[in-house]
Amino acid sequence: MKTLLLMKNIFVLLLSVFFLIFGVNVLVGSFKLPNPLEFVMTLFAASFIILFCVVGVLYAYFRLFPPKSKDGLHDAETK
């Protein structure tokens, strides 16, 4: 079960990094558009793609490397 969760988190991380690169590429490409309306629409779409990818990367990071408390116990163990 733990291996399946690890594979899922790694898959989310890789997919997020791929689409993050794609979103940055779309963002850079939007500055080359001649039509201002197309520029604004592409800029917002690229920003939306990048936003979702950053959330995916943060999700995977905090699942793969959970924060530890100073005394070495998890919060659930102390309650």
PDB file of N, CA and C in Angstrom:
ATOM      1  N   MET A   1       0.822  -1.193   0.000  1.00  0.00           N
ATOM      2  CA  MET A   1       0.000   0.000   0.000  1.00  0.00           C
ATOM      3  C   MET A   1       0.867   1.259   0.000  1.00  0.00           C
ATOM      4  N   LYS A   2       1.949   1.232   0.784  1.00  0.00           N
ATOM      5  CA  LYS A   2       2.821   2.398   0.865  1.00  0.00           C
ATOM      6  C   LYS A   2       3.532   2.630  -0.473  1.00  0.00           C
ATOM      7  N   THR A   3       3.878   1.538  -1.166  1.00  0.00           N
ATOM      8  CA  THR A   3       4.542   1.663  -2.466  1.00  0.00           C
ATOM      9  C   THR A   3       3.609   2.287  -3.488  1.00  0.00           C
ATOM     10  N   LEU A   4       2.327   1.924  -3.434  1.00  0.00           N
ATOM     11  CA  LEU A   4       1.353   2.490  -4.359  1.00  0.00           C
ATOM     12  C   LEU A   4       1.193   3.992  -4.137  1.00  0.00           C
ATOM     13  N   LEU A   5       1.160   4.418  -2.882  1.00  0.00           N
ATOM     14  CA  LEU A   5       1.067   5.854  -2.583  1.00  0.00           C
ATOM     15  C   LEU A   5       2.320   6.599  -3.034  1.00  0.00           C
ATOM     16  N   LEU A   6       3.468   5.980  -2.861  1.00  0.00           N
ATOM     17  CA  LEU A   6       4.720   6.589  -3.302  1.00  0.00           C
ATOM     18  C   LEU A   6       4.734   6.746  -4.819  1.00  0.00           C
ATOM     19  N   MET A   7       4.280   5.725  -5.529  1.00  0.00           N
ATOM     20  CA  MET A   7       4.232   5.801  -6.996  1.00  0.00           C
ATOM     21  C   MET A   7       3.246   6.862  -7.456  1.00  0.00           C
ATOM     22  N   LYS A   8       2.105   6.985  -6.752  1.00  0.00           N
ATOM     23  CA  LYS A   8       1.118   8.000  -7.105  1.00  0.00           C
ATOM     24  C   LYS A   8       1.692   9.400  -6.923  1.00  0.00           C
ATOM     25  N   ASN A   9       2.378   9.625  -5.826  1.00  0.00           N
ATOM     26  CA  ASN A   9       2.952  10.947  -5.560  1.00  0.00           C
ATOM     27  C   ASN A   9       4.066  11.281  -6.548  1.00  0.00           C
ATOM     28  N   ILE A  10       4.868  10.294  -6.915  1.00  0.00           N
ATOM     29  CA  ILE A  10       5.910  10.530  -7.907  1.00  0.00           C
ATOM     30  C   ILE A  10       5.282  10.823  -9.274  1.00  0.00           C
ATOM     31  N   PHE A  11       4.206  10.126  -9.609  1.00  0.00           N
ATOM     32  CA  PHE A  11       3.502  10.377 -10.867  1.00  0.00           C
ATOM     33  C   PHE A  11       2.926  11.791 -10.903  1.00  0.00           C
ATOM     34  N   VAL A  12       2.323  12.228  -9.795  1.00  0.00           N
ATOM     35  CA  VAL A  12       1.784  13.591  -9.709  1.00  0.00           C
ATOM     36  C   VAL A  12       2.908  14.611  -9.854  1.00  0.00           C
ATOM     37  N   LEU A  13       4.039  14.346  -9.237  1.00  0.00           N
ATOM     38  CA  LEU A  13       5.181  15.255  -9.326  1.00  0.00           C
ATOM     39  C   LEU A  13       5.702  15.358 -10.758  1.00  0.00           C
ATOM     40  N   LEU A  14       5.877  14.216 -11.408  1.00  0.00           N
ATOM     41  CA  LEU A  14       6.382  14.235 -12.789  1.00  0.00           C
ATOM     42  C   LEU A  14       5.398  14.900 -13.747  1.00  0.00           C
ATOM     43  N   LEU A  15       4.113  14.613 -13.585  1.00  0.00           N
ATOM     44  CA  LEU A  15       3.108  15.228 -14.440  1.00  0.00           C
ATOM     45  C   LEU A  15       3.051  16.739 -14.216  1.00  0.00           C
ATOM     46  N   SER A  16       3.164  17.157 -12.965  1.00  0.00           N
ATOM     47  CA  SER A  16       3.137  18.591 -12.655  1.00  0.00           C
ATOM     48  C   SER A  16       4.355  19.309 -13.225  1.00  0.00           C
ATOM     49  N   VAL A  17       5.516  18.684 -13.131  1.00  0.00           N
ATOM     50  CA  VAL A  17       6.729  19.305 -13.678  1.00  0.00           C
ATOM     51  C   VAL A  17       6.633  19.410 -15.203  1.00  0.00           C
ATOM     52  N   PHE A  18       6.093  18.361 -15.844  1.00  0.00           N
ATOM     53  CA  PHE A  18       5.928  18.408 -17.298  1.00  0.00           C
ATOM     54  C   PHE A  18       5.016  19.561 -17.712  1.00  0.00           C
ATOM     55  N   PHE A  19       3.858  19.675 -17.060  1.00  0.00           N
ATOM     56  CA  PHE A  19       2.939  20.746 -17.423  1.00  0.00           C
ATOM     57  C   PHE A  19       3.429  22.114 -16.961  1.00  0.00           C
ATOM     58  N   LEU A  20       4.287  22.162 -15.949  1.00  0.00           N
ATOM     59  CA  LEU A  20       4.895  23.429 -15.558  1.00  0.00           C
ATOM     60  C   LEU A  20       5.811  23.938 -16.664  1.00  0.00           C
ATOM     61  N   ILE A  21       6.589  23.040 -17.222  1.00  0.00           N
ATOM     62  CA  ILE A  21       7.455  23.415 -18.348  1.00  0.00           C
ATOM     63  C   ILE A  21       6.610  23.842 -19.546  1.00  0.00           C
ATOM     64  N   PHE A  22       5.526  23.094 -19.792  1.00  0.00           N
ATOM     65  CA  PHE A  22       4.616  23.449 -20.886  1.00  0.00           C
ATOM     66  C   PHE A  22       3.984  24.821 -20.649  1.00  0.00           C
ATOM     67  N   GLY A  23       3.551  25.095 -19.412  1.00  0.00           N
ATOM     68  CA  GLY A  23       2.932  26.387 -19.098  1.00  0.00           C
ATOM     69  C   GLY A  23       3.893  27.550 -19.249  1.00  0.00           C
ATOM     70  N   VAL A  24       5.146  27.357 -18.860  1.00  0.00           N
ATOM     71  CA  VAL A  24       6.151  28.415 -19.043  1.00  0.00           C
ATOM     72  C   VAL A  24       6.408  28.640 -20.528  1.00  0.00           C
ATOM     73  N   ASN A  25       6.411  27.558 -21.297  1.00  0.00           N
ATOM     74  CA  ASN A  25       6.588  27.677 -22.746  1.00  0.00           C
ATOM     75  C   ASN A  25       5.424  28.447 -23.378  1.00  0.00           C
ATOM     76  N   VAL A  26       4.200  28.170 -22.953  1.00  0.00           N
ATOM     77  CA  VAL A  26       3.036  28.904 -23.454  1.00  0.00           C
ATOM     78  C   VAL A  26       3.107  30.371 -23.031  1.00  0.00           C
ATOM     79  N   LEU A  27       3.554  30.620 -21.807  1.00  0.00           N
ATOM     80  CA  LEU A  27       3.676  31.992 -21.308  1.00  0.00           C
ATOM     81  C   LEU A  27       4.675  32.790 -22.139  1.00  0.00           C
ATOM     82  N   VAL A  28       5.819  32.200 -22.430  1.00  0.00           N
ATOM     83  CA  VAL A  28       6.824  32.889 -23.243  1.00  0.00           C
ATOM     84  C   VAL A  28       6.306  33.086 -24.664  1.00  0.00           C
ATOM     85  N   GLY A  29       5.609  32.079 -25.184  1.00  0.00           N
ATOM     86  CA  GLY A  29       5.061  32.197 -26.536  1.00  0.00           C
ATOM     87  C   GLY A  29       3.959  33.231 -26.649  1.00  0.00           C
ATOM     88  N   SER A  30       3.280  33.532 -25.549  1.00  0.00           N
ATOM     89  CA  SER A  30       2.194  34.518 -25.606  1.00  0.00           C
ATOM     90  C   SER A  30       2.722  35.926 -25.878  1.00  0.00           C
ATOM     91  N   PHE A  31       3.975  36.182 -25.535  1.00  0.00           N
ATOM     92  CA  PHE A  31       4.526  37.515 -25.776  1.00  0.00           C
ATOM     93  C   PHE A  31       4.852  37.762 -27.243  1.00  0.00           C
ATOM     94  N   LYS A  32       4.820  36.728 -28.064  1.00  0.00           N
ATOM     95  CA  LYS A  32       5.107  36.869 -29.488  1.00  0.00           C
ATOM     96  C   LYS A  32       3.852  37.024 -30.330  1.00  0.00           C
ATOM     97  N   LEU A  33       2.674  37.038 -29.701  1.00  0.00           N
ATOM     98  CA  LEU A  33       1.426  37.134 -30.438  1.00  0.00           C
ATOM     99  C   LEU A  33       1.157  38.585 -30.845  1.00  0.00           C
ATOM    100  N   PRO A  34       0.709  38.798 -32.084  1.00  0.00           N
ATOM    101  CA  PRO A  34       0.471  40.181 -32.538  1.00  0.00           C
ATOM    102  C   PRO A  34      -0.861  40.762 -32.052  1.00  0.00           C
ATOM    103  N   ASN A  35      -1.860  39.924 -31.846  1.00  0.00           N
ATOM    104  CA  ASN A  35      -3.184  40.389 -31.453  1.00  0.00           C
ATOM    105  C   ASN A  35      -3.241  40.556 -29.928  1.00  0.00           C
ATOM    106  N   PRO A  36      -3.608  41.746 -29.440  1.00  0.00           N
ATOM    107  CA  PRO A  36      -3.636  41.962 -27.986  1.00  0.00           C
ATOM    108  C   PRO A  36      -4.646  41.071 -27.267  1.00  0.00           C
ATOM    109  N   LEU A  37      -5.778  40.774 -27.894  1.00  0.00           N
ATOM    110  CA  LEU A  37      -6.777  39.934 -27.262  1.00  0.00           C
ATOM    111  C   LEU A  37      -6.267  38.497 -27.108  1.00  0.00           C
ATOM    112  N   GLU A  38      -5.616  37.997 -28.138  1.00  0.00           N
ATOM    113  CA  GLU A  38      -5.022  36.662 -28.046  1.00  0.00           C
ATOM    114  C   GLU A  38      -3.911  36.628 -26.993  1.00  0.00           C
ATOM    115  N   PHE A  39      -3.157  37.718 -26.902  1.00  0.00           N
ATOM    116  CA  PHE A  39      -2.094  37.795 -25.898  1.00  0.00           C
ATOM    117  C   PHE A  39      -2.656  37.672 -24.493  1.00  0.00           C
ATOM    118  N   VAL A  40      -3.706  38.434 -24.199  1.00  0.00           N
ATOM    119  CA  VAL A  40      -4.284  38.425 -22.853  1.00  0.00           C
ATOM    120  C   VAL A  40      -4.882  37.060 -22.537  1.00  0.00           C
ATOM    121  N   MET A  41      -5.594  36.468 -23.479  1.00  0.00           N
ATOM    122  CA  MET A  41      -6.205  35.163 -23.246  1.00  0.00           C
ATOM    123  C   MET A  41      -5.141  34.086 -23.027  1.00  0.00           C
ATOM    124  N   THR A  42      -4.080  34.118 -23.821  1.00  0.00           N
ATOM    125  CA  THR A  42      -3.013  33.128 -23.680  1.00  0.00           C
ATOM    126  C   THR A  42      -2.229  33.356 -22.397  1.00  0.00           C
ATOM    127  N   LEU A  43      -2.032  34.590 -22.022  1.00  0.00           N
ATOM    128  CA  LEU A  43      -1.326  34.903 -20.783  1.00  0.00           C
ATOM    129  C   LEU A  43      -2.085  34.357 -19.571  1.00  0.00           C
ATOM    130  N   PHE A  44      -3.392  34.569 -19.529  1.00  0.00           N
ATOM    131  CA  PHE A  44      -4.188  34.056 -18.414  1.00  0.00           C
ATOM    132  C   PHE A  44      -4.237  32.531 -18.422  1.00  0.00           C
ATOM    133  N   ALA A  45      -4.331  31.928 -19.596  1.00  0.00           N
ATOM    134  CA  ALA A  45      -4.350  30.466 -19.671  1.00  0.00           C
ATOM    135  C   ALA A  45      -3.027  29.881 -19.181  1.00  0.00           C
ATOM    136  N   ALA A  46      -1.921  30.474 -19.577  1.00  0.00           N
ATOM    137  CA  ALA A  46      -0.613  29.989 -19.142  1.00  0.00           C
ATOM    138  C   ALA A  46      -0.442  30.171 -17.635  1.00  0.00           C
ATOM    139  N   SER A  47      -0.918  31.283 -17.113  1.00  0.00           N
ATOM    140  CA  SER A  47      -0.830  31.510 -15.662  1.00  0.00           C
ATOM    141  C   SER A  47      -1.663  30.486 -14.897  1.00  0.00           C
ATOM    142  N   PHE A  48      -2.812  30.115 -15.443  1.00  0.00           N
ATOM    143  CA  PHE A  48      -3.674  29.115 -14.824  1.00  0.00           C
ATOM    144  C   PHE A  48      -3.003  27.745 -14.828  1.00  0.00           C
ATOM    145  N   ILE A  49      -2.368  27.391 -15.938  1.00  0.00           N
ATOM    146  CA  ILE A  49      -1.644  26.117 -16.041  1.00  0.00           C
ATOM    147  C   ILE A  49      -0.508  26.089 -15.022  1.00  0.00           C
ATOM    148  N   ILE A  50       0.243  27.170 -14.926  1.00  0.00           N
ATOM    149  CA  ILE A  50       1.365  27.241 -13.987  1.00  0.00           C
ATOM    150  C   ILE A  50       0.875  27.164 -12.548  1.00  0.00           C
ATOM    151  N   LEU A  51      -0.248  27.805 -12.241  1.00  0.00           N
ATOM    152  CA  LEU A  51      -0.803  27.765 -10.893  1.00  0.00           C
ATOM    153  C   LEU A  51      -1.145  26.340 -10.479  1.00  0.00           C
ATOM    154  N   PHE A  52      -1.824  25.592 -11.348  1.00  0.00           N
ATOM    155  CA  PHE A  52      -2.177  24.212 -11.028  1.00  0.00           C
ATOM    156  C   PHE A  52      -0.933  23.339 -10.885  1.00  0.00           C
ATOM    157  N   CYS A  53       0.072  23.591 -11.687  1.00  0.00           N
ATOM    158  CA  CYS A  53       1.287  22.790 -11.604  1.00  0.00           C
ATOM    159  C   CYS A  53       2.058  23.055 -10.319  1.00  0.00           C
ATOM    160  N   VAL A  54       2.091  24.283  -9.882  1.00  0.00           N
ATOM    161  CA  VAL A  54       2.773  24.605  -8.622  1.00  0.00           C
ATOM    162  C   VAL A  54       2.047  23.932  -7.460  1.00  0.00           C
ATOM    163  N   VAL A  55       0.725  23.902  -7.507  1.00  0.00           N
ATOM    164  CA  VAL A  55      -0.033  23.211  -6.462  1.00  0.00           C
ATOM    165  C   VAL A  55       0.283  21.714  -6.485  1.00  0.00           C
ATOM    166  N   GLY A  56       0.392  21.117  -7.673  1.00  0.00           N
ATOM    167  CA  GLY A  56       0.739  19.705  -7.775  1.00  0.00           C
ATOM    168  C   GLY A  56       2.128  19.406  -7.252  1.00  0.00           C
ATOM    169  N   VAL A  57       3.081  20.281  -7.535  1.00  0.00           N
ATOM    170  CA  VAL A  57       4.446  20.090  -7.038  1.00  0.00           C
ATOM    171  C   VAL A  57       4.478  20.218  -5.518  1.00  0.00           C
ATOM    172  N   LEU A  58       3.779  21.202  -4.967  1.00  0.00           N
ATOM    173  CA  LEU A  58       3.737  21.360  -3.515  1.00  0.00           C
ATOM    174  C   LEU A  58       3.038  20.181  -2.841  1.00  0.00           C
ATOM    175  N   TYR A  59       1.973  19.676  -3.457  1.00  0.00           N
ATOM    176  CA  TYR A  59       1.275  18.505  -2.918  1.00  0.00           C
ATOM    177  C   TYR A  59       2.228  17.316  -2.838  1.00  0.00           C
ATOM    178  N   ALA A  60       2.917  17.044  -3.927  1.00  0.00           N
ATOM    179  CA  ALA A  60       3.829  15.907  -3.952  1.00  0.00           C
ATOM    180  C   ALA A  60       4.983  16.111  -2.975  1.00  0.00           C
ATOM    181  N   TYR A  61       5.494  17.318  -2.881  1.00  0.00           N
ATOM    182  CA  TYR A  61       6.607  17.579  -1.961  1.00  0.00           C
ATOM    183  C   TYR A  61       6.206  17.300  -0.520  1.00  0.00           C
ATOM    184  N   PHE A  62       5.057  17.817  -0.105  1.00  0.00           N
ATOM    185  CA  PHE A  62       4.644  17.638   1.285  1.00  0.00           C
ATOM    186  C   PHE A  62       4.171  16.217   1.575  1.00  0.00           C
ATOM    187  N   ARG A  63       3.801  15.457   0.551  1.00  0.00           N
ATOM    188  CA  ARG A  63       3.463  14.047   0.758  1.00  0.00           C
ATOM    189  C   ARG A  63       4.724  13.185   0.824  1.00  0.00           C
ATOM    190  N   LEU A  64       5.731  13.532   0.022  1.00  0.00           N
ATOM    191  CA  LEU A  64       6.956  12.748   0.018  1.00  0.00           C
ATOM    192  C   LEU A  64       7.863  13.086   1.202  1.00  0.00           C
ATOM    193  N   PHE A  65       7.872  14.353   1.613  1.00  0.00           N
ATOM    194  CA  PHE A  65       8.715  14.808   2.722  1.00  0.00           C
ATOM    195  C   PHE A  65       7.846  15.498   3.773  1.00  0.00           C
ATOM    196  N   PRO A  66       7.129  14.727   4.602  1.00  0.00           N
ATOM    197  CA  PRO A  66       6.253  15.367   5.593  1.00  0.00           C
ATOM    198  C   PRO A  66       7.074  16.098   6.648  1.00  0.00           C
ATOM    199  N   PRO A  67       6.571  17.220   7.143  1.00  0.00           N
ATOM    200  CA  PRO A  67       7.312  17.969   8.171  1.00  0.00           C
ATOM    201  C   PRO A  67       7.335  17.199   9.486  1.00  0.00           C
ATOM    202  N   LYS A  68       8.466  17.227  10.141  1.00  0.00           N
ATOM    203  CA  LYS A  68       8.629  16.547  11.428  1.00  0.00           C
ATOM    204  C   LYS A  68       8.610  17.596  12.537  1.00  0.00           C
ATOM    205  N   SER A  69       8.071  17.210  13.671  1.00  0.00           N
ATOM    206  CA  SER A  69       8.080  18.123  14.806  1.00  0.00           C
ATOM    207  C   SER A  69       9.457  18.092  15.475  1.00  0.00           C
ATOM    208  N   LYS A  70       9.694  19.035  16.350  1.00  0.00           N
ATOM    209  CA  LYS A  70      11.012  19.164  16.961  1.00  0.00           C
ATOM    210  C   LYS A  70      11.357  18.002  17.885  1.00  0.00           C
ATOM    211  N   ASP A  71      10.351  17.423  18.535  1.00  0.00           N
ATOM    212  CA  ASP A  71      10.630  16.313  19.443  1.00  0.00           C
ATOM    213  C   ASP A  71      10.625  14.954  18.751  1.00  0.00           C
ATOM    214  N   GLY A  72      10.380  14.920  17.450  1.00  0.00           N
ATOM    215  CA  GLY A  72      10.423  13.672  16.700  1.00  0.00           C
ATOM    216  C   GLY A  72       9.117  12.918  16.650  1.00  0.00           C
ATOM    217  N   LEU A  73       8.077  13.421  17.307  1.00  0.00           N
ATOM    218  CA  LEU A  73       6.776  12.768  17.292  1.00  0.00           C
ATOM    219  C   LEU A  73       5.831  13.516  16.376  1.00  0.00           C
ATOM    220  N   HIS A  74       4.930  12.802  15.751  1.00  0.00           N
ATOM    221  CA  HIS A  74       3.900  13.443  14.941  1.00  0.00           C
ATOM    222  C   HIS A  74       2.808  14.009  15.853  1.00  0.00           C
ATOM    223  N   ASP A  75       2.045  14.947  15.337  1.00  0.00           N
ATOM    224  CA  ASP A  75       0.997  15.561  16.147  1.00  0.00           C
ATOM    225  C   ASP A  75      -0.053  14.537  16.575  1.00  0.00           C
ATOM    226  N   ALA A  76      -0.345  13.555  15.731  1.00  0.00           N
ATOM    227  CA  ALA A  76      -1.356  12.559  16.059  1.00  0.00           C
ATOM    228  C   ALA A  76      -0.890  11.648  17.205  1.00  0.00           C
ATOM    229  N   GLU A  77       0.408  11.468  17.333  1.00  0.00           N
ATOM    230  CA  GLU A  77       0.934  10.589  18.379  1.00  0.00           C
ATOM    231  C   GLU A  77       0.909  11.261  19.749  1.00  0.00           C
ATOM    232  N   THR A  78       0.923  12.569  19.783  1.00  0.00           N
ATOM    233  CA  THR A  78       0.963  13.263  21.063  1.00  0.00           C
ATOM    234  C   THR A  78      -0.419  13.458  21.654  1.00  0.00           C
ATOM    235  N   LYS A  79      -1.462  13.315  20.859  1.00  0.00           N
ATOM    236  CA  LYS A  79      -2.836  13.544  21.363  1.00  0.00           C
ATOM    237  C   LYS A  79      -3.412  12.300  21.978  1.00  0.00           C
TER     238      LYS A  79
END
